[in-house]
């Protein structure tokens, strides 16, 4: 099974790849890779500095028929691409954020209702796109995680790949399980 991580120039993208490489075939790929060259069972859209530097990620969302997990910028890109809004947040830089899981769903299977996460809210999703539902929230942001209601598209604002996030590896493992079905 192959799950690739799209490098959107974020400082933690290599950690996403390292977190799952022992479970699946995984590599970090450029966000300029043509969609027709991506033959995977799942794709993770990594974080990065700006939506303008997200390369061909919108094409991946619209053409690839595999589960996709957007992390931080990946979530924001997903929201914008499907009609949601992304705006500057009130808290820039990385910080601990207590996230409340509103709906366990497949991506949060086995997690407690509240988890400590590591996230930046320099930008955040402020309006949910049509056909998506909110899966998690915090005191900082009302849309910490979301899911498409028909397609296997998931987005989370925080970074599951860093040690500061509780149960982050469980989120990545749950995503890998989704890619196997």
N, C-alpha and C. Protein backbone atom coordinates (compact mmCIF):
# COMPACT_ATOMS: atom_id res chain seq x y z
N UNK A 1 0.84 -1.18 0.00
CA UNK A 1 0.00 0.00 0.00
C UNK A 1 0.89 1.24 0.00
N UNK A 2 0.46 2.25 -0.77
CA UNK A 2 1.22 3.50 -0.89
C UNK A 2 0.39 4.70 -0.43
N UNK A 3 0.98 5.47 0.47
CA UNK A 3 0.41 6.74 0.90
C UNK A 3 1.52 7.78 0.78
N UNK A 4 1.33 8.75 -0.08
CA UNK A 4 2.34 9.78 -0.29
C UNK A 4 1.95 11.06 0.44
N UNK A 5 2.98 11.85 0.77
CA UNK A 5 2.80 13.13 1.45
C UNK A 5 3.21 14.24 0.48
N UNK A 6 2.33 15.17 0.25
CA UNK A 6 2.61 16.29 -0.65
C UNK A 6 3.33 17.38 0.15
N UNK A 7 4.49 17.75 -0.32
CA UNK A 7 5.30 18.77 0.33
C UNK A 7 4.83 20.15 -0.10
N UNK A 8 4.20 20.85 0.84
CA UNK A 8 3.75 22.22 0.59
C UNK A 8 4.67 23.23 1.28
N UNK A 9 5.91 22.83 1.49
CA UNK A 9 6.96 23.69 2.05
C UNK A 9 6.80 23.97 3.53
N UNK A 10 6.03 23.15 4.22
CA UNK A 10 5.88 23.30 5.66
C UNK A 10 7.03 22.65 6.40
N UNK A 11 7.30 23.16 7.60
CA UNK A 11 8.45 22.66 8.34
C UNK A 11 8.27 21.26 8.91
N UNK A 12 7.04 20.73 8.91
CA UNK A 12 6.81 19.41 9.48
C UNK A 12 6.49 18.33 8.45
N UNK A 13 6.49 18.65 7.16
CA UNK A 13 6.11 17.67 6.15
C UNK A 13 6.96 16.41 6.20
N UNK A 14 8.26 16.56 6.43
CA UNK A 14 9.12 15.38 6.52
C UNK A 14 8.74 14.50 7.72
N UNK A 15 8.22 15.12 8.79
CA UNK A 15 7.80 14.34 9.96
C UNK A 15 6.55 13.51 9.67
N UNK A 16 5.66 14.01 8.81
CA UNK A 16 4.49 13.22 8.43
C UNK A 16 4.98 11.94 7.74
N UNK A 17 5.87 12.11 6.79
CA UNK A 17 6.41 10.96 6.05
C UNK A 17 7.12 9.99 7.00
N UNK A 18 7.92 10.51 7.90
CA UNK A 18 8.63 9.65 8.86
C UNK A 18 7.66 8.93 9.80
N UNK A 19 6.55 9.56 10.11
CA UNK A 19 5.58 8.97 11.05
C UNK A 19 4.87 7.75 10.47
N UNK A 20 4.76 7.67 9.14
CA UNK A 20 4.00 6.56 8.56
C UNK A 20 4.84 5.61 7.72
N UNK A 21 6.10 5.91 7.49
CA UNK A 21 6.92 5.12 6.57
C UNK A 21 7.12 3.67 7.00
N UNK A 22 6.98 3.38 8.29
CA UNK A 22 7.12 1.99 8.75
C UNK A 22 5.83 1.20 8.59
N UNK A 23 4.74 1.86 8.25
CA UNK A 23 3.45 1.20 8.12
C UNK A 23 3.04 0.99 6.66
N UNK A 24 3.47 1.93 5.79
CA UNK A 24 3.11 1.89 4.38
C UNK A 24 4.29 2.38 3.54
N UNK A 25 4.23 2.08 2.26
CA UNK A 25 5.20 2.69 1.35
C UNK A 25 4.86 4.17 1.29
N UNK A 26 5.84 5.00 1.55
CA UNK A 26 5.56 6.42 1.65
C UNK A 26 6.75 7.22 1.16
N UNK A 27 6.45 8.31 0.48
CA UNK A 27 7.50 9.26 0.13
C UNK A 27 6.91 10.65 0.09
N UNK A 28 7.81 11.61 0.22
CA UNK A 28 7.45 13.02 0.14
C UNK A 28 7.55 13.42 -1.32
N UNK A 29 6.46 13.99 -1.87
CA UNK A 29 6.48 14.39 -3.27
C UNK A 29 6.25 15.89 -3.40
N UNK A 30 6.74 16.44 -4.48
CA UNK A 30 6.56 17.85 -4.76
C UNK A 30 5.09 18.17 -5.03
N UNK A 31 4.66 19.36 -4.63
CA UNK A 31 3.28 19.76 -4.92
C UNK A 31 3.13 20.21 -6.37
N UNK A 32 4.18 20.06 -7.16
CA UNK A 32 4.13 20.32 -8.60
C UNK A 32 4.00 19.04 -9.42
N UNK A 33 3.96 17.88 -8.73
CA UNK A 33 3.84 16.59 -9.41
C UNK A 33 2.51 16.53 -10.17
N UNK A 34 2.54 16.18 -11.47
CA UNK A 34 1.28 16.05 -12.21
C UNK A 34 0.40 14.95 -11.59
N UNK A 35 -0.90 15.19 -11.48
CA UNK A 35 -1.79 14.20 -10.87
C UNK A 35 -1.71 12.83 -11.54
N UNK A 36 -1.52 12.80 -12.85
CA UNK A 36 -1.47 11.51 -13.55
C UNK A 36 -0.24 10.69 -13.18
N UNK A 37 0.74 11.30 -12.51
CA UNK A 37 1.93 10.58 -12.07
C UNK A 37 1.81 10.07 -10.64
N UNK A 38 0.68 10.32 -10.02
CA UNK A 38 0.48 9.91 -8.63
C UNK A 38 -0.39 8.66 -8.59
N UNK A 39 0.23 7.53 -8.29
CA UNK A 39 -0.46 6.25 -8.20
C UNK A 39 -0.37 5.77 -6.75
N UNK A 40 -1.38 6.11 -5.96
CA UNK A 40 -1.35 5.85 -4.53
C UNK A 40 -2.69 5.31 -4.05
N UNK A 41 -2.68 4.82 -2.81
CA UNK A 41 -3.91 4.39 -2.14
C UNK A 41 -4.47 5.49 -1.25
N UNK A 42 -3.64 6.49 -0.96
CA UNK A 42 -4.05 7.62 -0.14
C UNK A 42 -3.04 8.74 -0.27
N UNK A 43 -3.48 9.96 0.01
CA UNK A 43 -2.62 11.13 -0.15
C UNK A 43 -2.81 12.05 1.05
N UNK A 44 -1.70 12.58 1.54
CA UNK A 44 -1.74 13.56 2.62
C UNK A 44 -1.22 14.88 2.08
N UNK A 45 -2.03 15.92 2.18
CA UNK A 45 -1.62 17.27 1.80
C UNK A 45 -1.00 17.92 3.02
N UNK A 46 0.32 18.07 3.00
CA UNK A 46 1.03 18.62 4.15
C UNK A 46 0.82 20.10 4.33
N UNK A 47 1.38 20.61 5.40
CA UNK A 47 1.27 22.02 5.72
C UNK A 47 2.22 22.87 4.90
N UNK A 48 2.09 24.16 5.06
CA UNK A 48 2.93 25.09 4.33
C UNK A 48 2.61 26.52 4.69
N UNK A 49 3.38 27.45 4.12
CA UNK A 49 3.23 28.85 4.53
C UNK A 49 2.02 29.57 3.95
N UNK A 50 1.66 29.31 2.68
CA UNK A 50 0.56 30.07 2.08
C UNK A 50 -0.20 29.23 1.06
N UNK A 51 -1.46 29.55 0.89
CA UNK A 51 -2.27 28.87 -0.11
C UNK A 51 -1.72 29.11 -1.52
N UNK A 52 -1.11 30.24 -1.74
CA UNK A 52 -0.56 30.55 -3.06
C UNK A 52 0.59 29.63 -3.45
N UNK A 53 1.22 28.98 -2.48
CA UNK A 53 2.35 28.08 -2.77
C UNK A 53 1.93 26.62 -2.73
N UNK A 54 0.63 26.34 -2.82
CA UNK A 54 0.13 24.96 -2.71
C UNK A 54 0.19 24.19 -4.02
N UNK A 55 0.83 24.73 -5.03
CA UNK A 55 1.07 24.01 -6.27
C UNK A 55 -0.20 23.44 -6.89
N UNK A 56 -0.15 22.14 -7.17
CA UNK A 56 -1.26 21.47 -7.87
C UNK A 56 -2.21 20.73 -6.93
N UNK A 57 -2.18 21.07 -5.65
CA UNK A 57 -3.02 20.37 -4.67
C UNK A 57 -4.51 20.41 -5.02
N UNK A 58 -4.99 21.52 -5.54
CA UNK A 58 -6.41 21.60 -5.92
C UNK A 58 -6.72 20.56 -6.99
N UNK A 59 -5.80 20.34 -7.91
CA UNK A 59 -6.00 19.30 -8.94
C UNK A 59 -6.10 17.92 -8.30
N UNK A 60 -5.27 17.67 -7.30
CA UNK A 60 -5.32 16.37 -6.63
C UNK A 60 -6.70 16.13 -6.01
N UNK A 61 -7.23 17.17 -5.38
CA UNK A 61 -8.55 17.06 -4.76
C UNK A 61 -9.65 16.78 -5.78
N UNK A 62 -9.50 17.33 -6.97
CA UNK A 62 -10.54 17.21 -7.98
C UNK A 62 -10.37 16.03 -8.92
N UNK A 63 -9.20 15.42 -8.97
CA UNK A 63 -8.99 14.35 -9.95
C UNK A 63 -8.66 12.99 -9.33
N UNK A 64 -8.06 12.96 -8.16
CA UNK A 64 -7.68 11.67 -7.57
C UNK A 64 -8.85 11.07 -6.81
N UNK A 65 -9.07 9.79 -7.02
CA UNK A 65 -10.17 9.09 -6.36
C UNK A 65 -9.61 8.19 -5.26
N UNK A 66 -8.97 8.82 -4.28
CA UNK A 66 -8.39 8.11 -3.14
C UNK A 66 -8.68 8.93 -1.88
N UNK A 67 -8.59 8.32 -0.70
CA UNK A 67 -8.71 9.13 0.52
C UNK A 67 -7.62 10.19 0.58
N UNK A 68 -8.01 11.39 1.00
CA UNK A 68 -7.06 12.49 1.13
C UNK A 68 -7.24 13.13 2.51
N UNK A 69 -6.10 13.32 3.19
CA UNK A 69 -6.07 13.99 4.48
C UNK A 69 -5.31 15.30 4.31
N UNK A 70 -5.96 16.41 4.62
CA UNK A 70 -5.31 17.71 4.58
C UNK A 70 -4.92 18.12 5.99
N UNK A 71 -3.64 18.44 6.18
CA UNK A 71 -3.14 18.86 7.48
C UNK A 71 -2.79 20.34 7.41
N UNK A 72 -3.36 21.14 8.29
CA UNK A 72 -3.12 22.58 8.40
C UNK A 72 -3.40 23.26 7.06
N UNK A 73 -2.39 23.64 6.29
CA UNK A 73 -2.63 24.26 4.99
C UNK A 73 -3.46 23.34 4.10
N UNK A 74 -3.26 22.02 4.22
CA UNK A 74 -4.04 21.06 3.43
C UNK A 74 -5.53 21.17 3.73
N UNK A 75 -5.88 21.36 5.00
CA UNK A 75 -7.27 21.59 5.40
C UNK A 75 -7.79 22.88 4.78
N UNK A 76 -7.01 23.93 4.87
CA UNK A 76 -7.43 25.23 4.36
C UNK A 76 -7.62 25.20 2.85
N UNK A 77 -6.72 24.54 2.16
CA UNK A 77 -6.84 24.40 0.72
C UNK A 77 -8.12 23.64 0.35
N UNK A 78 -8.37 22.54 1.07
CA UNK A 78 -9.57 21.74 0.84
C UNK A 78 -10.82 22.60 1.03
N UNK A 79 -10.85 23.35 2.12
CA UNK A 79 -12.01 24.20 2.39
C UNK A 79 -12.22 25.22 1.28
N UNK A 80 -11.17 25.90 0.91
CA UNK A 80 -11.29 26.93 -0.13
C UNK A 80 -11.70 26.33 -1.47
N UNK A 81 -11.11 25.20 -1.82
CA UNK A 81 -11.39 24.57 -3.11
C UNK A 81 -12.85 24.17 -3.25
N UNK A 82 -13.48 23.80 -2.13
CA UNK A 82 -14.87 23.33 -2.18
C UNK A 82 -15.88 24.38 -1.73
N UNK A 83 -15.46 25.64 -1.63
CA UNK A 83 -16.41 26.71 -1.38
C UNK A 83 -16.45 27.26 0.03
N UNK A 84 -15.54 26.86 0.89
CA UNK A 84 -15.45 27.42 2.23
C UNK A 84 -14.60 28.67 2.24
N UNK A 85 -14.43 29.25 3.42
CA UNK A 85 -13.62 30.46 3.54
C UNK A 85 -12.46 30.23 4.49
N UNK A 86 -11.33 30.83 4.15
CA UNK A 86 -10.13 30.81 4.98
C UNK A 86 -9.75 32.25 5.25
N UNK A 87 -9.53 32.57 6.52
CA UNK A 87 -9.15 33.93 6.90
C UNK A 87 -8.04 33.89 7.93
N UNK A 88 -7.36 35.00 8.12
CA UNK A 88 -6.35 35.04 9.18
C UNK A 88 -7.00 34.76 10.54
N UNK A 89 -6.28 34.00 11.35
CA UNK A 89 -6.77 33.69 12.69
C UNK A 89 -6.28 34.72 13.69
N UNK A 90 -6.73 34.59 14.91
CA UNK A 90 -6.33 35.51 15.96
C UNK A 90 -5.02 35.15 16.62
N UNK A 91 -4.59 33.88 16.42
CA UNK A 91 -3.38 33.40 17.07
C UNK A 91 -2.43 32.87 16.01
N UNK A 92 -1.32 33.55 15.80
CA UNK A 92 -0.30 33.08 14.87
C UNK A 92 0.75 32.29 15.62
N UNK A 93 1.57 31.57 14.91
CA UNK A 93 2.60 30.77 15.55
C UNK A 93 2.03 29.49 16.12
N UNK A 94 2.91 28.58 16.47
CA UNK A 94 2.47 27.30 16.99
C UNK A 94 2.24 27.36 18.49
N UNK A 95 1.19 26.69 18.93
CA UNK A 95 0.85 26.67 20.35
C UNK A 95 0.01 25.44 20.65
N UNK A 96 -0.07 25.11 21.92
CA UNK A 96 -0.93 24.02 22.36
C UNK A 96 -2.38 24.47 22.27
N UNK A 97 -3.22 23.60 21.70
CA UNK A 97 -4.64 23.88 21.57
C UNK A 97 -5.40 22.64 22.01
N UNK A 98 -6.34 22.82 22.92
CA UNK A 98 -7.21 21.72 23.34
C UNK A 98 -8.34 21.60 22.32
N UNK A 99 -8.41 20.45 21.67
CA UNK A 99 -9.41 20.22 20.63
C UNK A 99 -10.49 19.29 21.15
N UNK A 100 -11.73 19.65 20.90
CA UNK A 100 -12.87 18.83 21.27
C UNK A 100 -13.36 18.06 20.04
N UNK A 101 -13.32 16.74 20.12
CA UNK A 101 -13.83 15.90 19.04
C UNK A 101 -15.35 15.89 19.15
N UNK A 102 -16.03 16.39 18.12
CA UNK A 102 -17.49 16.45 18.13
C UNK A 102 -18.11 15.18 17.57
N UNK A 103 -17.40 14.56 16.64
CA UNK A 103 -17.89 13.34 16.01
C UNK A 103 -16.69 12.42 15.80
N UNK A 104 -16.76 11.23 16.35
CA UNK A 104 -15.62 10.32 16.29
C UNK A 104 -15.26 9.95 14.86
N UNK A 105 -16.23 9.57 14.06
CA UNK A 105 -16.01 9.23 12.67
C UNK A 105 -14.83 8.26 12.53
N UNK A 106 -14.47 7.92 11.29
CA UNK A 106 -13.38 6.97 11.06
C UNK A 106 -12.02 7.56 11.40
N UNK A 107 -11.84 8.83 11.16
CA UNK A 107 -10.53 9.46 11.32
C UNK A 107 -10.16 9.64 12.80
N UNK A 108 -11.14 9.72 13.67
CA UNK A 108 -10.88 9.90 15.10
C UNK A 108 -11.27 8.68 15.93
N UNK A 109 -11.43 7.54 15.29
CA UNK A 109 -11.82 6.32 15.98
C UNK A 109 -10.86 6.03 17.14
N UNK A 110 -11.44 5.82 18.32
CA UNK A 110 -10.65 5.45 19.49
C UNK A 110 -10.04 6.61 20.26
N UNK A 111 -10.25 7.84 19.81
CA UNK A 111 -9.68 8.99 20.50
C UNK A 111 -10.63 9.48 21.60
N UNK A 112 -10.08 10.09 22.65
CA UNK A 112 -10.94 10.69 23.67
C UNK A 112 -11.65 11.92 23.13
N UNK A 113 -12.61 12.43 23.87
CA UNK A 113 -13.38 13.59 23.43
C UNK A 113 -12.56 14.86 23.33
N UNK A 114 -11.52 14.96 24.14
CA UNK A 114 -10.65 16.13 24.12
C UNK A 114 -9.20 15.68 24.01
N UNK A 115 -8.45 16.32 23.10
CA UNK A 115 -7.03 16.01 22.97
C UNK A 115 -6.22 17.29 22.92
N UNK A 116 -4.99 17.19 23.41
CA UNK A 116 -4.06 18.31 23.35
C UNK A 116 -3.34 18.23 22.00
N UNK A 117 -3.35 19.32 21.26
CA UNK A 117 -2.74 19.32 19.93
C UNK A 117 -1.73 20.46 19.82
N UNK A 118 -0.96 20.41 18.76
CA UNK A 118 0.01 21.45 18.42
C UNK A 118 -0.43 22.04 17.09
N UNK A 119 -0.75 23.32 17.09
CA UNK A 119 -1.33 23.91 15.89
C UNK A 119 -0.94 25.37 15.74
N UNK A 120 -1.00 25.83 14.50
CA UNK A 120 -0.89 27.25 14.19
C UNK A 120 -2.24 27.69 13.65
N UNK A 121 -2.68 28.84 14.08
CA UNK A 121 -3.93 29.40 13.58
C UNK A 121 -3.69 30.76 12.94
N UNK A 122 -2.51 30.91 12.31
CA UNK A 122 -2.24 32.14 11.57
C UNK A 122 -3.31 32.32 10.50
N UNK A 123 -3.72 31.21 9.88
CA UNK A 123 -4.87 31.16 8.98
C UNK A 123 -5.74 30.01 9.43
N UNK A 124 -7.04 30.12 9.21
CA UNK A 124 -7.95 29.06 9.62
C UNK A 124 -9.22 29.09 8.79
N UNK A 125 -9.90 27.97 8.76
CA UNK A 125 -11.17 27.87 8.05
C UNK A 125 -12.24 28.55 8.91
N UNK A 126 -12.92 29.51 8.30
CA UNK A 126 -13.94 30.25 9.04
C UNK A 126 -15.35 29.96 8.54
N UNK A 127 -15.45 29.34 7.38
CA UNK A 127 -16.76 28.99 6.84
C UNK A 127 -16.64 27.60 6.21
N UNK A 128 -17.48 26.70 6.64
CA UNK A 128 -17.47 25.32 6.17
C UNK A 128 -17.96 25.24 4.73
N UNK A 129 -17.26 24.48 3.88
CA UNK A 129 -17.76 24.33 2.50
C UNK A 129 -19.03 23.47 2.47
N UNK A 130 -19.86 23.64 1.44
CA UNK A 130 -21.02 22.75 1.29
C UNK A 130 -20.55 21.30 1.20
N UNK A 131 -21.38 20.38 1.64
CA UNK A 131 -21.12 18.95 1.60
C UNK A 131 -20.03 18.50 2.58
N UNK A 132 -19.64 19.35 3.50
CA UNK A 132 -18.69 18.99 4.55
C UNK A 132 -19.38 19.11 5.90
N UNK A 133 -18.86 18.40 6.89
CA UNK A 133 -19.35 18.53 8.26
C UNK A 133 -18.17 18.74 9.19
N UNK A 134 -18.41 19.46 10.29
CA UNK A 134 -17.38 19.72 11.28
C UNK A 134 -17.23 18.49 12.18
N UNK A 135 -15.98 18.06 12.38
CA UNK A 135 -15.70 16.92 13.24
C UNK A 135 -15.08 17.32 14.57
N UNK A 136 -14.44 18.50 14.63
CA UNK A 136 -13.78 18.94 15.86
C UNK A 136 -13.73 20.46 15.90
N UNK A 137 -13.65 20.99 17.13
CA UNK A 137 -13.59 22.43 17.35
C UNK A 137 -12.68 22.71 18.55
N UNK A 138 -12.39 23.98 18.76
CA UNK A 138 -11.65 24.40 19.95
C UNK A 138 -12.11 25.79 20.35
N UNK A 139 -11.58 26.30 21.44
CA UNK A 139 -11.87 27.68 21.85
C UNK A 139 -11.23 28.68 20.90
N UNK A 140 -10.25 28.23 20.14
CA UNK A 140 -9.53 29.09 19.21
C UNK A 140 -10.22 29.13 17.85
N UNK A 141 -10.80 27.99 17.44
CA UNK A 141 -11.33 27.85 16.09
C UNK A 141 -12.52 26.89 16.07
N UNK A 142 -13.59 27.29 15.43
CA UNK A 142 -14.79 26.45 15.38
C UNK A 142 -14.69 25.29 14.38
N UNK A 143 -13.71 25.36 13.46
CA UNK A 143 -13.55 24.28 12.47
C UNK A 143 -12.12 23.76 12.56
N UNK A 144 -11.86 22.94 13.56
CA UNK A 144 -10.54 22.32 13.74
C UNK A 144 -10.39 21.09 12.85
N UNK A 145 -11.50 20.47 12.50
CA UNK A 145 -11.46 19.30 11.62
C UNK A 145 -12.78 19.21 10.88
N UNK A 146 -12.69 18.68 9.66
CA UNK A 146 -13.90 18.53 8.84
C UNK A 146 -13.76 17.31 7.95
N UNK A 147 -14.91 16.91 7.40
CA UNK A 147 -14.96 15.75 6.52
C UNK A 147 -16.01 15.99 5.44
N UNK A 148 -15.70 15.54 4.23
CA UNK A 148 -16.67 15.57 3.15
C UNK A 148 -17.72 14.50 3.44
N UNK A 149 -18.97 14.76 3.17
CA UNK A 149 -20.03 13.82 3.52
C UNK A 149 -20.13 12.63 2.57
N UNK A 150 -19.58 12.74 1.35
CA UNK A 150 -19.68 11.64 0.38
C UNK A 150 -18.34 11.06 -0.04
N UNK A 151 -17.31 11.86 -0.06
CA UNK A 151 -15.99 11.42 -0.50
C UNK A 151 -15.08 11.25 0.71
N UNK A 152 -14.03 10.42 0.61
CA UNK A 152 -13.10 10.24 1.74
C UNK A 152 -12.08 11.38 1.82
N UNK A 153 -12.58 12.58 2.09
CA UNK A 153 -11.74 13.77 2.22
C UNK A 153 -11.84 14.28 3.65
N UNK A 154 -10.69 14.41 4.30
CA UNK A 154 -10.63 14.82 5.70
C UNK A 154 -9.63 15.96 5.85
N UNK A 155 -9.90 16.88 6.75
CA UNK A 155 -8.96 17.95 7.02
C UNK A 155 -8.88 18.24 8.50
N UNK A 156 -7.65 18.47 8.97
CA UNK A 156 -7.44 18.84 10.37
C UNK A 156 -6.50 20.04 10.44
N UNK A 157 -6.75 20.94 11.36
CA UNK A 157 -5.95 22.15 11.51
C UNK A 157 -4.63 21.87 12.20
N UNK A 158 -4.60 20.91 13.10
CA UNK A 158 -3.41 20.66 13.92
C UNK A 158 -2.48 19.65 13.24
N UNK A 159 -1.32 19.47 13.87
CA UNK A 159 -0.28 18.59 13.32
C UNK A 159 -0.21 17.28 14.11
N UNK A 160 -0.74 16.18 13.54
CA UNK A 160 -0.71 14.90 14.25
C UNK A 160 0.69 14.29 14.27
N UNK A 161 1.59 14.75 13.43
CA UNK A 161 2.91 14.16 13.27
C UNK A 161 3.92 14.61 14.32
N UNK A 162 3.59 15.63 15.10
CA UNK A 162 4.56 16.13 16.09
C UNK A 162 4.28 15.52 17.46
N UNK A 163 5.32 15.38 18.26
CA UNK A 163 5.19 14.73 19.57
C UNK A 163 4.33 15.52 20.53
N UNK A 164 4.15 16.82 20.29
CA UNK A 164 3.34 17.65 21.19
C UNK A 164 1.85 17.34 21.07
N UNK A 165 1.44 16.65 20.01
CA UNK A 165 0.02 16.31 19.81
C UNK A 165 -0.26 14.95 20.40
N UNK A 166 -1.21 14.91 21.34
CA UNK A 166 -1.63 13.63 21.92
C UNK A 166 -2.37 12.81 20.87
N UNK A 167 -2.02 11.55 20.80
CA UNK A 167 -2.71 10.58 19.95
C UNK A 167 -2.65 10.93 18.46
N UNK A 168 -1.66 11.73 18.08
CA UNK A 168 -1.52 12.10 16.68
C UNK A 168 -1.26 10.90 15.78
N UNK A 169 -0.45 9.97 16.26
CA UNK A 169 -0.16 8.76 15.47
C UNK A 169 -1.44 7.96 15.25
N UNK A 170 -2.35 7.99 16.23
CA UNK A 170 -3.63 7.28 16.06
C UNK A 170 -4.44 7.88 14.92
N UNK A 171 -4.40 9.20 14.77
CA UNK A 171 -5.10 9.85 13.66
C UNK A 171 -4.51 9.38 12.33
N UNK A 172 -3.18 9.37 12.25
CA UNK A 172 -2.52 8.92 11.01
C UNK A 172 -2.80 7.44 10.75
N UNK A 173 -2.79 6.61 11.79
CA UNK A 173 -3.12 5.18 11.62
C UNK A 173 -4.55 5.00 11.14
N UNK A 174 -5.47 5.79 11.69
CA UNK A 174 -6.87 5.72 11.24
C UNK A 174 -6.98 6.09 9.76
N UNK A 175 -6.21 7.09 9.34
CA UNK A 175 -6.23 7.46 7.93
C UNK A 175 -5.69 6.33 7.07
N UNK A 176 -4.61 5.72 7.50
CA UNK A 176 -4.05 4.58 6.75
C UNK A 176 -5.09 3.46 6.61
N UNK A 177 -5.81 3.17 7.69
CA UNK A 177 -6.87 2.15 7.62
C UNK A 177 -7.94 2.51 6.57
N UNK A 178 -8.26 3.79 6.48
CA UNK A 178 -9.23 4.24 5.47
C UNK A 178 -8.72 3.98 4.05
N UNK A 179 -7.43 4.09 3.89
CA UNK A 179 -6.82 3.90 2.56
C UNK A 179 -6.82 2.44 2.14
N UNK A 180 -6.94 1.53 3.09
CA UNK A 180 -6.93 0.09 2.79
C UNK A 180 -8.28 -0.41 2.32
N UNK A 181 -9.34 0.34 2.60
CA UNK A 181 -10.68 -0.15 2.24
C UNK A 181 -11.07 0.21 0.83
